[in-house]
Protein backbone atom coordinates (compact mmCIF):
# COMPACT_ATOMS: atom_id res chain seq x y z
CA UNK A 1 45.05 5.44 2.07
CA UNK A 2 45.87 2.72 -0.45
CA UNK A 3 46.24 2.96 -4.19
CA UNK A 4 43.14 2.36 -6.32
CA UNK A 5 42.26 -1.28 -6.59
CA UNK A 6 39.61 -3.92 -6.08
CA UNK A 7 37.84 -4.55 -2.80
CA UNK A 8 39.75 -7.84 -2.60
CA UNK A 9 42.07 -8.75 -5.48
CA UNK A 10 42.24 -12.37 -6.61
CA UNK A 11 45.96 -12.42 -5.78
CA UNK A 12 45.35 -11.16 -2.25
CA UNK A 13 42.46 -13.58 -1.71
CA UNK A 14 44.62 -16.46 -2.94
CA UNK A 15 47.36 -15.57 -0.41
CA UNK A 16 44.79 -15.28 2.39
CA UNK A 17 43.17 -18.61 1.47
CA UNK A 18 46.56 -20.34 1.40
CA UNK A 19 47.49 -18.92 4.80
CA UNK A 20 44.22 -19.53 6.62
CA UNK A 21 44.06 -23.00 5.07
CA UNK A 22 47.04 -23.87 7.29
CA UNK A 23 45.45 -22.37 10.41
CA UNK A 24 41.70 -23.09 10.24
CA UNK A 25 40.05 -26.46 9.60
CA UNK A 26 38.29 -26.44 6.19
CA UNK A 27 34.89 -27.14 7.76
CA UNK A 28 35.16 -23.95 9.82
CA UNK A 29 36.61 -21.69 7.15
CA UNK A 30 34.32 -19.24 5.35
CA UNK A 31 35.83 -16.84 2.81
CA UNK A 32 34.04 -13.64 1.88
CA UNK A 33 33.11 -12.74 -1.68
CA UNK A 34 32.29 -9.08 -2.40
CA UNK A 35 29.26 -8.26 -4.51
CA UNK A 36 30.10 -4.55 -4.66
CA UNK A 37 32.72 -2.22 -6.08
CA UNK A 38 34.76 0.68 -4.82
CA UNK A 39 35.39 4.00 -6.54
CA UNK A 40 38.62 5.90 -6.13
CA UNK A 41 39.27 9.52 -7.06
CA UNK A 42 42.48 11.22 -8.02
CA UNK A 43 41.73 14.16 -5.73
CA UNK A 44 40.63 14.28 -2.11
CA UNK A 45 38.59 17.45 -1.98
CA UNK A 46 36.31 16.88 1.02
CA UNK A 47 38.72 17.59 3.88
CA UNK A 48 39.87 20.31 6.24
CA UNK A 49 41.92 23.16 4.73
CA UNK A 50 44.37 25.39 6.54
CA UNK A 51 44.16 29.07 5.71
CA UNK A 52 47.26 29.10 3.49
CA UNK A 53 45.78 26.25 1.41
CA UNK A 54 42.53 28.23 1.00
CA UNK A 55 44.53 31.21 -0.25
CA UNK A 56 46.35 28.95 -2.73
CA UNK A 57 43.01 27.71 -4.07
CA UNK A 58 41.71 31.27 -4.39
CA UNK A 59 44.85 32.14 -6.37
CA UNK A 60 44.96 28.98 -8.52
CA UNK A 61 41.24 29.05 -9.31
CA UNK A 62 41.24 32.84 -9.81
CA UNK A 63 38.39 33.25 -7.33
CA UNK A 64 37.16 36.84 -7.31
CA UNK A 65 33.75 36.27 -5.76
CA UNK A 66 34.26 35.49 -2.08
CA UNK A 67 30.94 35.85 -0.31
CA UNK A 68 30.02 35.89 3.36
CA UNK A 69 27.33 34.04 5.22
CA UNK A 70 26.90 34.82 8.89
CA UNK A 71 30.16 36.73 8.67
CA UNK A 72 32.11 33.69 7.41
CA UNK A 73 33.69 33.79 3.94
CA UNK A 74 32.96 31.11 1.33
CA UNK A 75 33.29 30.53 -2.40
CA UNK A 76 32.48 27.93 -4.98
CA UNK A 77 34.70 26.55 -7.70
CA UNK A 78 34.65 23.54 -9.99
CA UNK A 79 37.24 20.80 -10.04
CA UNK A 80 37.60 17.98 -12.55
CA UNK A 81 37.93 14.66 -10.78
CA UNK A 82 39.02 11.40 -12.37
CA UNK A 83 37.23 8.37 -10.93
CA UNK A 84 38.48 4.78 -11.13
CA UNK A 85 35.93 2.13 -10.19
CA UNK A 86 36.87 -1.48 -9.49
CA UNK A 87 34.02 -4.00 -9.24
CA UNK A 88 33.31 -7.70 -9.54
CA UNK A 89 31.31 -9.15 -12.39
CA UNK A 90 30.36 -12.75 -13.19
CA UNK A 91 33.78 -13.44 -14.75
CA UNK A 92 35.80 -12.21 -11.76
CA UNK A 93 33.39 -13.86 -9.33
CA UNK A 94 33.68 -17.24 -11.09
CA UNK A 95 37.48 -16.84 -11.11
CA UNK A 96 37.47 -16.09 -7.38
CA UNK A 97 35.18 -19.03 -6.58
CA UNK A 98 37.29 -21.38 -8.73
CA UNK A 99 40.43 -20.19 -6.98
CA UNK A 100 38.80 -20.89 -3.60
CA UNK A 101 37.71 -24.35 -4.75
CA UNK A 102 41.28 -25.10 -5.87
CA UNK A 103 42.53 -23.86 -2.47
CA UNK A 104 40.12 -26.36 -0.82
CA UNK A 105 37.90 -23.63 0.60
CA UNK A 106 34.54 -25.32 1.14
CA UNK A 107 32.45 -22.32 2.23
CA UNK A 108 31.97 -18.77 0.99
CA UNK A 109 29.74 -15.93 2.12
CA UNK A 110 28.53 -13.21 -0.23
CA UNK A 111 28.38 -9.56 0.77
CA UNK A 112 25.83 -8.22 0.01
CA UNK A 113 22.95 -10.03 -1.64
CA UNK A 114 21.13 -7.84 -4.11
CA UNK A 115 24.29 -6.00 -5.20
CA UNK A 116 25.72 -8.80 -7.36
CA UNK A 117 25.95 -9.36 -11.10
CA UNK A 118 22.75 -11.43 -11.53
CA UNK A 119 24.52 -13.77 -13.96
CA UNK A 120 26.45 -15.31 -11.06
CA UNK A 121 23.43 -17.34 -9.96
CA UNK A 122 23.42 -19.30 -13.22
CA UNK A 123 27.07 -20.22 -12.68
CA UNK A 124 26.87 -21.55 -9.14
CA UNK A 125 26.74 -25.24 -8.37
CA UNK A 126 25.70 -26.23 -4.88
CA UNK A 127 27.55 -29.27 -3.62
């Protein structure tokens, strides 16, 4: 239901870290770091359609081949969909981890190992 954007923007994570830093002792605080992306489309096509909406599609798409299966009508049409994909790479991950360090966040957890930019492992320093 939100606009396209990252799983967790650096700005949002910074606000969360600042807030929870005042509520949770640093030794108990663990901030999550996403190793995956999220795709957003400009059209939501997989949904329920009321009859009037189906008729609009038939008209707009100039459908003239409505078939029946088991007595139920169906048709196929093609739709162009624009996809926007936000993801984290080594640069955004290092920025996020640096921001957490500056916010005195001592612990992070990665979700989900195996989905990350492999270059991140060369950038990490264990303290």
